[in-house]
Amino acid sequence: MKFCQNCGAEINDNAVVCVKCGCSTKPANQVAAVDDSVSVGLVILAVLIPLFGVIYWPVKAKSRPKCAKACGIAAIISWVVYILFMMMAGGF
């Protein structure tokens, strides 16, 4: 058994909050980890709408760097492919 850091009540070792005062049992400096896995849906959206990927990249670069970078790169590749197709079709 452990004790609440706020009120001193005895609490279960697996408790998330104190049943007496309702305070969290986790230290205040412990922050929940953000899922930074690459989202396939966002990458597809960045390919279909490249402007989304170019805007999403700098906006989410600090909070979700891997996902933001993947969306930005997908958008840039999409634009390059579009330009190459236009050049081959004689559009430029």
C-alpha atoms as a PDB file:
ATOM      1  CA  MET A   1       0.000   0.000   0.000  1.00  0.00           C
ATOM      2  CA  LYS A   2       1.089   3.543  -0.628  1.00  0.00           C
ATOM      3  CA  PHE A   3      -0.034   6.910   0.693  1.00  0.00           C
ATOM      4  CA  CYS A   4      -1.563   9.924  -1.067  1.00  0.00           C
ATOM      5  CA  GLN A   5       0.925  12.769  -1.474  1.00  0.00           C
ATOM      6  CA  ASN A   6      -1.851  15.320  -0.976  1.00  0.00           C
ATOM      7  CA  CYS A   7      -3.858  14.108   2.049  1.00  0.00           C
ATOM      8  CA  GLY A   8      -1.805  11.177   3.389  1.00  0.00           C
ATOM      9  CA  ALA A   9      -4.609   8.622   3.094  1.00  0.00           C
ATOM     10  CA  GLU A  10      -3.662   5.001   2.470  1.00  0.00           C
ATOM     11  CA  ILE A  11      -4.374   4.026  -1.150  1.00  0.00           C
ATOM     12  CA  ASN A  12      -4.007   0.933  -3.314  1.00  0.00           C
ATOM     13  CA  ASP A  13      -0.708   0.558  -5.211  1.00  0.00           C
ATOM     14  CA  ASN A  14      -2.563   0.527  -8.562  1.00  0.00           C
ATOM     15  CA  ALA A  15      -4.812   3.514  -7.781  1.00  0.00           C
ATOM     16  CA  VAL A  16      -4.868   6.352 -10.290  1.00  0.00           C
ATOM     17  CA  VAL A  17      -6.578   8.839  -7.941  1.00  0.00           C
ATOM     18  CA  CYS A  18      -6.978   9.048  -4.178  1.00  0.00           C
ATOM     19  CA  VAL A  19     -10.450   7.902  -3.065  1.00  0.00           C
ATOM     20  CA  LYS A  20     -10.436  10.384  -0.161  1.00  0.00           C
ATOM     21  CA  CYS A  21      -9.362  13.658  -1.824  1.00  0.00           C
ATOM     22  CA  GLY A  22      -9.519  12.823  -5.556  1.00  0.00           C
ATOM     23  CA  CYS A  23      -5.939  13.902  -6.270  1.00  0.00           C
ATOM     24  CA  SER A  24      -3.952  12.144  -8.960  1.00  0.00           C
ATOM     25  CA  THR A  25      -1.381   9.638  -7.709  1.00  0.00           C
ATOM     26  CA  LYS A  26       0.967  10.376 -10.615  1.00  0.00           C
ATOM     27  CA  PRO A  27       3.642  13.044 -10.195  1.00  0.00           C
ATOM     28  CA  ALA A  28       2.719  16.436 -11.687  1.00  0.00           C
ATOM     29  CA  ASN A  29       5.727  16.434 -14.024  1.00  0.00           C
ATOM     30  CA  GLN A  30       4.739  13.110 -15.606  1.00  0.00           C
ATOM     31  CA  VAL A  31       3.103  13.974 -18.934  1.00  0.00           C
ATOM     32  CA  ALA A  32       1.168  11.507 -21.039  1.00  0.00           C
ATOM     33  CA  ALA A  33       3.040  10.490 -24.181  1.00  0.00           C
ATOM     34  CA  VAL A  34       1.613  11.697 -27.480  1.00  0.00           C
ATOM     35  CA  ASP A  35       1.128   9.092 -30.175  1.00  0.00           C
ATOM     36  CA  ASP A  36       3.415  10.210 -33.000  1.00  0.00           C
ATOM     37  CA  SER A  37       2.855   7.303 -35.354  1.00  0.00           C
ATOM     38  CA  VAL A  38       2.400   8.185 -39.006  1.00  0.00           C
ATOM     39  CA  SER A  39      -1.279   8.334 -39.876  1.00  0.00           C
ATOM     40  CA  VAL A  40      -1.997   6.730 -43.242  1.00  0.00           C
ATOM     41  CA  GLY A  41      -5.204   8.742 -43.569  1.00  0.00           C
ATOM     42  CA  LEU A  42      -3.407  12.052 -43.127  1.00  0.00           C
ATOM     43  CA  VAL A  43      -0.711  11.061 -45.631  1.00  0.00           C
ATOM     44  CA  ILE A  44      -3.360  10.110 -48.212  1.00  0.00           C
ATOM     45  CA  LEU A  45      -5.094  13.430 -47.574  1.00  0.00           C
ATOM     46  CA  ALA A  46      -1.768  15.227 -48.092  1.00  0.00           C
ATOM     47  CA  VAL A  47      -1.320  13.415 -51.427  1.00  0.00           C
ATOM     48  CA  LEU A  48      -4.830  14.268 -52.605  1.00  0.00           C
ATOM     49  CA  ILE A  49      -4.752  17.836 -51.252  1.00  0.00           C
ATOM     50  CA  PRO A  50      -1.088  18.901 -51.193  1.00  0.00           C
ATOM     51  CA  LEU A  51      -1.847  22.279 -49.629  1.00  0.00           C
ATOM     52  CA  PHE A  52      -3.098  20.420 -46.528  1.00  0.00           C
ATOM     53  CA  GLY A  53       0.246  18.635 -46.149  1.00  0.00           C
ATOM     54  CA  VAL A  54       2.279  21.791 -46.621  1.00  0.00           C
ATOM     55  CA  ILE A  55       0.231  23.593 -43.956  1.00  0.00           C
ATOM     56  CA  TYR A  56       0.068  20.601 -41.569  1.00  0.00           C
ATOM     57  CA  TRP A  57       3.857  20.161 -41.576  1.00  0.00           C
ATOM     58  CA  PRO A  58       4.859  23.396 -39.779  1.00  0.00           C
ATOM     59  CA  VAL A  59       1.705  23.552 -37.643  1.00  0.00           C
ATOM     60  CA  LYS A  60       2.202  20.101 -36.067  1.00  0.00           C
ATOM     61  CA  ALA A  61       6.011  19.938 -36.299  1.00  0.00           C
ATOM     62  CA  LYS A  62       6.498  20.246 -32.531  1.00  0.00           C
ATOM     63  CA  SER A  63       3.639  18.103 -31.253  1.00  0.00           C
ATOM     64  CA  ARG A  64       3.723  15.278 -33.854  1.00  0.00           C
ATOM     65  CA  PRO A  65       7.032  15.586 -35.757  1.00  0.00           C
ATOM     66  CA  LYS A  66       7.029  12.190 -37.526  1.00  0.00           C
ATOM     67  CA  CYS A  67       3.453  12.489 -38.760  1.00  0.00           C
ATOM     68  CA  ALA A  68       3.906  16.130 -39.781  1.00  0.00           C
ATOM     69  CA  LYS A  69       7.075  15.365 -41.727  1.00  0.00           C
ATOM     70  CA  ALA A  70       5.412  12.438 -43.515  1.00  0.00           C
ATOM     71  CA  CYS A  71       2.469  14.635 -44.550  1.00  0.00           C
ATOM     72  CA  GLY A  72       4.767  17.411 -45.779  1.00  0.00           C
ATOM     73  CA  ILE A  73       6.921  15.054 -47.808  1.00  0.00           C
ATOM     74  CA  ALA A  74       3.843  13.369 -49.288  1.00  0.00           C
ATOM     75  CA  ALA A  75       2.484  16.772 -50.335  1.00  0.00           C
ATOM     76  CA  ILE A  76       5.757  17.813 -51.964  1.00  0.00           C
ATOM     77  CA  ILE A  77       6.053  14.488 -53.819  1.00  0.00           C
ATOM     78  CA  SER A  78       2.457  14.879 -54.976  1.00  0.00           C
ATOM     79  CA  TRP A  79       3.208  18.339 -56.393  1.00  0.00           C
ATOM     80  CA  VAL A  80       6.363  17.107 -58.140  1.00  0.00           C
ATOM     81  CA  VAL A  81       4.463  14.207 -59.735  1.00  0.00           C
ATOM     82  CA  TYR A  82       1.699  16.589 -60.851  1.00  0.00           C
ATOM     83  CA  ILE A  83       4.231  18.963 -62.443  1.00  0.00           C
ATOM     84  CA  LEU A  84       5.994  16.076 -64.212  1.00  0.00           C
ATOM     85  CA  PHE A  85       2.689  14.807 -65.630  1.00  0.00           C
ATOM     86  CA  MET A  86       1.807  18.310 -66.802  1.00  0.00           C
ATOM     87  CA  MET A  87       5.188  18.664 -68.503  1.00  0.00           C
ATOM     88  CA  MET A  88       4.795  15.315 -70.263  1.00  0.00           C
ATOM     89  CA  ALA A  89       1.272  16.243 -71.386  1.00  0.00           C
ATOM     90  CA  GLY A  90       2.521  19.562 -72.749  1.00  0.00           C
ATOM     91  CA  GLY A  91       0.649  21.654 -70.227  1.00  0.00           C
ATOM     92  CA  PHE A  92       3.741  23.695 -69.284  1.00  0.00           C
END
